[in-house]
Amino acid sequence: MLIGHIETLAASASTWGFLLIIVFMTIESSFIPFPSEVVMIPAGFLAARGGLSTGNPLLDATLAVACGTIGSLLGAFVNYYLFSWLGTPFLERYGKYFFLPPPSLARATELFRQYGAGATFVCRLLPAIRQLISIPAGLARMPLGSFTFWTGLGAGIWVTVLTVVGYLVGSRTATMSYAELVHEGTAMVKRHFVWLIPALLVAFAGYVALTKRIMKTKAEAVTPAPSATA
């Protein structure tokens, strides 16, 4: 049913396509459950077929990635500010009414507590938890600049992956229904996701090692030298 509704809206993609990408990715990145695959894979497909606003495939794909990333950031800001205002007690009592199952929220909170900014980046690329990681960031009042950078980086990578998948499919065929496109594109992402995980782990390990080194250097810099004894 969801795919059918979005397919209807996609008919006006040449006029409203980029705005629709921002709107739907804002919804997807907030606490409302909404799959990014049904937005960004078709966006890449339409870009490859010249079906977005400029008619230039590469320019349309680039603009789609930019709009998808902007929408993801806007949705993340909704979570960040809303739940930093509502607070943890509200979530514990009413979270289930905001599509926030306690196990998923607890997992996101624990990951953020342990790894902070690194978790904000990595979790933006993981299914089921990518939208939720901005909530504990808001609850902890994570510095906004750091939150924006790591969220934008992770969201940008994910949006690019989906757009490229749609673009590749669109380059091969024009005779495919919206539902077939989404299903084939999603299957392609899942087949190659196994290669993304090791790369993320390596990047995350590098981030943790660098952070520890910086913290150690700062600690050594502020530790007073022992006084000389007579």
Protein backbone atom coordinates (compact mmCIF):
# COMPACT_ATOMS: atom_id res chain seq x y z
CA MET A 1 0.00 0.00 0.00
CA LEU A 2 2.81 2.43 0.90
CA ILE A 3 4.64 1.71 -2.35
CA GLY A 4 1.45 2.35 -4.31
CA HIS A 5 0.91 5.77 -2.71
CA ILE A 6 4.49 6.87 -3.34
CA GLU A 7 4.31 5.56 -6.91
CA THR A 8 1.37 7.91 -7.48
CA LEU A 9 3.38 10.85 -6.16
CA ALA A 10 6.38 9.83 -8.29
CA ALA A 11 4.36 10.72 -11.36
CA SER A 12 5.04 14.39 -10.55
CA ALA A 13 8.76 13.80 -9.93
CA SER A 14 9.85 16.04 -12.80
CA THR A 15 8.26 19.01 -11.01
CA TRP A 16 8.31 18.18 -7.30
CA GLY A 17 10.84 15.33 -7.17
CA PHE A 18 13.56 16.99 -5.10
CA LEU A 19 11.08 18.51 -2.66
CA LEU A 20 9.38 15.13 -2.25
CA ILE A 21 12.76 13.52 -1.52
CA ILE A 22 13.41 16.03 1.27
CA VAL A 23 9.93 15.59 2.75
CA PHE A 24 9.93 11.79 2.71
CA MET A 25 13.51 11.48 3.97
CA THR A 26 12.67 13.88 6.81
CA ILE A 27 9.83 11.55 7.78
CA GLU A 28 12.09 8.50 7.36
CA SER A 29 14.80 9.96 9.60
CA SER A 30 12.41 10.89 12.40
CA PHE A 31 10.79 8.44 14.82
CA ILE A 32 8.05 7.55 12.28
CA PRO A 33 8.78 4.15 10.67
CA PHE A 34 9.30 4.72 6.96
CA PRO A 35 11.74 2.86 4.68
CA SER A 36 14.34 4.99 2.90
CA GLU A 37 14.56 2.34 0.17
CA VAL A 38 11.17 3.35 -1.26
CA VAL A 39 12.42 6.92 -1.71
CA MET A 40 16.09 6.91 -2.67
CA ILE A 41 16.21 3.82 -4.91
CA PRO A 42 13.41 5.19 -7.15
CA ALA A 43 15.11 8.61 -7.04
CA GLY A 44 18.27 7.07 -8.49
CA PHE A 45 16.20 5.18 -11.05
CA LEU A 46 14.39 8.34 -12.18
CA ALA A 47 17.67 10.25 -12.33
CA ALA A 48 19.18 7.64 -14.65
CA ARG A 49 16.10 7.82 -16.90
CA GLY A 50 16.07 11.63 -17.00
CA GLY A 51 12.86 11.72 -14.98
CA LEU A 52 13.79 14.35 -12.41
CA SER A 53 13.83 18.12 -12.71
CA THR A 54 16.96 18.91 -14.73
CA GLY A 55 16.86 15.94 -17.11
CA ASN A 56 20.64 15.51 -16.70
CA PRO A 57 21.18 12.03 -15.18
CA LEU A 58 24.37 12.74 -13.22
CA LEU A 59 23.21 16.16 -12.02
CA ASP A 60 19.83 14.76 -11.00
CA ALA A 61 21.50 11.91 -9.09
CA THR A 62 23.82 14.35 -7.31
CA LEU A 63 20.93 16.63 -6.37
CA ALA A 64 18.91 13.61 -5.19
CA VAL A 65 21.75 12.60 -2.85
CA ALA A 66 21.99 16.17 -1.55
CA CYS A 67 18.22 16.39 -0.96
CA GLY A 68 18.15 12.96 0.67
CA THR A 69 20.94 13.95 3.03
CA ILE A 70 19.24 17.25 3.88
CA GLY A 71 15.99 15.41 4.61
CA SER A 72 17.83 12.89 6.79
CA LEU A 73 19.41 15.71 8.79
CA LEU A 74 16.08 17.49 9.23
CA GLY A 75 14.45 14.32 10.54
CA ALA A 76 17.39 13.72 12.88
CA PHE A 77 17.06 17.27 14.20
CA VAL A 78 13.37 16.57 14.93
CA ASN A 79 14.41 13.62 17.11
CA TYR A 80 17.30 15.49 18.68
CA TYR A 81 15.34 18.57 19.76
CA LEU A 82 12.01 16.89 20.49
CA PHE A 83 13.35 14.23 22.81
CA SER A 84 15.96 16.45 24.42
CA TRP A 85 12.96 18.54 25.45
CA LEU A 86 10.67 15.66 26.42
CA GLY A 87 13.39 13.82 28.36
CA THR A 88 14.00 10.23 29.39
CA PRO A 89 11.02 9.86 31.81
CA PHE A 90 8.61 10.74 29.00
CA LEU A 91 10.20 8.16 26.70
CA GLU A 92 10.09 5.45 29.34
CA ARG A 93 6.39 6.06 29.86
CA TYR A 94 5.11 6.96 26.41
CA GLY A 95 7.82 5.84 23.98
CA LYS A 96 5.73 2.96 22.64
CA TYR A 97 3.20 5.47 21.32
CA PHE A 98 5.98 7.12 19.25
CA PHE A 99 6.89 3.86 17.47
CA LEU A 100 9.86 3.45 19.83
CA PRO A 101 9.96 -0.19 21.02
CA PRO A 102 11.88 -0.40 24.32
CA PRO A 103 14.42 -3.00 23.07
CA SER A 104 15.46 -0.92 20.05
CA LEU A 105 15.62 2.29 22.07
CA ALA A 106 17.63 0.59 24.82
CA ARG A 107 20.07 -0.75 22.24
CA ALA A 108 20.52 2.67 20.64
CA THR A 109 21.01 4.30 24.05
CA GLU A 110 23.63 1.76 25.08
CA LEU A 111 25.55 2.14 21.82
CA PHE A 112 25.54 5.92 22.17
CA ARG A 113 26.59 5.73 25.81
CA GLN A 114 29.60 3.58 24.91
CA TYR A 115 30.74 5.15 21.65
CA GLY A 116 29.17 8.60 21.37
CA ALA A 117 29.88 10.31 18.05
CA GLY A 118 31.19 7.09 16.48
CA ALA A 119 27.89 5.36 17.19
CA THR A 120 26.01 8.32 15.69
CA PHE A 121 27.93 7.80 12.45
CA VAL A 122 27.93 3.99 12.23
CA CYS A 123 24.33 3.50 13.34
CA ARG A 124 23.07 5.75 10.55
CA LEU A 125 24.00 2.87 8.23
CA LEU A 126 22.36 0.07 10.22
CA PRO A 127 18.74 -1.04 9.66
CA ALA A 128 16.17 -0.67 12.45
CA ILE A 129 18.41 1.54 14.59
CA ARG A 130 19.56 4.24 12.16
CA GLN A 131 16.67 6.59 12.96
CA LEU A 132 16.77 5.97 16.71
CA ILE A 133 20.40 6.88 17.42
CA SER A 134 19.58 10.60 17.26
CA ILE A 135 17.25 10.23 20.26
CA PRO A 136 19.90 9.36 22.88
CA ALA A 137 22.12 12.00 21.24
CA GLY A 138 19.41 14.55 22.00
CA LEU A 139 18.85 13.23 25.51
CA ALA A 140 22.59 13.53 26.20
CA ARG A 141 22.73 17.03 24.64
CA MET A 142 25.47 15.95 22.25
CA PRO A 143 27.21 19.07 20.85
CA LEU A 144 25.16 20.14 17.84
CA GLY A 145 28.15 20.62 15.53
CA SER A 146 29.43 17.11 16.19
CA PHE A 147 25.93 15.65 15.90
CA THR A 148 25.35 17.40 12.57
CA PHE A 149 28.69 16.31 11.11
CA TRP A 150 28.51 12.61 12.06
CA THR A 151 24.81 12.29 11.29
CA GLY A 152 25.24 14.00 7.93
CA LEU A 153 28.24 11.83 7.06
CA GLY A 154 26.48 8.55 7.89
CA ALA A 155 23.21 9.59 6.27
CA GLY A 156 25.03 10.83 3.19
CA ILE A 157 26.77 7.50 2.69
CA TRP A 158 23.52 5.55 3.08
CA VAL A 159 21.59 7.86 0.75
CA THR A 160 24.38 7.62 -1.84
CA VAL A 161 24.35 3.81 -1.72
CA LEU A 162 20.60 3.66 -2.33
CA THR A 163 20.71 6.28 -5.08
CA VAL A 164 23.56 4.50 -6.88
CA VAL A 165 21.64 1.20 -6.71
CA GLY A 166 18.58 2.83 -8.26
CA TYR A 167 20.75 4.55 -10.87
CA LEU A 168 22.38 1.27 -11.89
CA VAL A 169 19.01 -0.44 -12.23
CA GLY A 170 17.65 2.53 -14.19
CA SER A 171 20.63 2.41 -16.54
CA ARG A 172 19.82 -1.19 -17.44
CA THR A 173 16.08 -1.10 -17.92
CA ALA A 174 13.12 1.24 -18.19
CA THR A 175 10.43 -1.47 -18.10
CA MET A 176 10.04 -2.10 -14.40
CA SER A 177 7.19 -1.35 -12.03
CA TYR A 178 7.75 0.75 -8.95
CA ALA A 179 7.30 -2.25 -6.65
CA GLU A 180 9.71 -4.39 -8.70
CA LEU A 181 12.27 -1.60 -8.61
CA VAL A 182 12.10 -1.25 -4.83
CA HIS A 183 12.28 -5.00 -4.26
CA GLU A 184 15.16 -5.55 -6.68
CA GLY A 185 17.08 -2.56 -5.36
CA THR A 186 16.59 -3.61 -1.74
CA ALA A 187 17.76 -7.13 -2.56
CA MET A 188 20.86 -5.70 -4.26
CA VAL A 189 21.68 -3.63 -1.16
CA LYS A 190 21.29 -6.67 1.09
CA ARG A 191 23.53 -8.80 -1.15
CA HIS A 192 26.36 -6.26 -0.96
CA PHE A 193 25.75 -5.09 2.61
CA VAL A 194 28.14 -7.79 3.82
CA TRP A 195 30.99 -5.80 2.25
CA LEU A 196 29.91 -2.59 3.94
CA ILE A 197 29.95 -3.97 7.48
CA PRO A 198 33.71 -4.80 7.58
CA ALA A 199 34.53 -1.39 6.12
CA LEU A 200 32.40 0.28 8.80
CA LEU A 201 34.04 -1.75 11.54
CA VAL A 202 37.50 -0.76 10.33
CA ALA A 203 36.50 2.91 10.14
CA PHE A 204 34.88 2.72 13.56
CA ALA A 205 37.93 1.03 15.10
CA GLY A 206 40.10 3.77 13.63
CA TYR A 207 37.80 6.41 15.10
CA VAL A 208 37.93 4.80 18.57
CA ALA A 209 41.73 4.49 18.45
CA LEU A 210 42.12 8.11 17.33
CA THR A 211 39.73 9.36 20.00
CA LYS A 212 41.58 7.48 22.75
CA ARG A 213 44.90 8.85 21.51
CA ILE A 214 43.59 12.42 21.52
CA MET A 215 42.10 12.02 25.00
CA LYS A 216 45.36 10.54 26.29
CA THR A 217 47.35 13.41 24.80
CA LYS A 218 45.03 15.96 26.40
CA ALA A 219 45.21 14.18 29.76
CA GLU A 220 49.00 14.16 29.64
CA ALA A 221 49.03 17.85 28.74
CA VAL A 222 46.98 18.87 31.81
CA THR A 223 48.68 16.51 34.27
CA PRO A 224 51.21 18.50 36.31
CA ALA A 225 54.75 17.22 36.33
CA PRO A 226 55.93 15.75 39.64
CA SER A 227 57.89 18.22 41.76
CA ALA A 228 61.57 17.58 42.19
CA THR A 229 62.69 16.48 45.65
CA ALA A 230 65.76 17.82 47.37
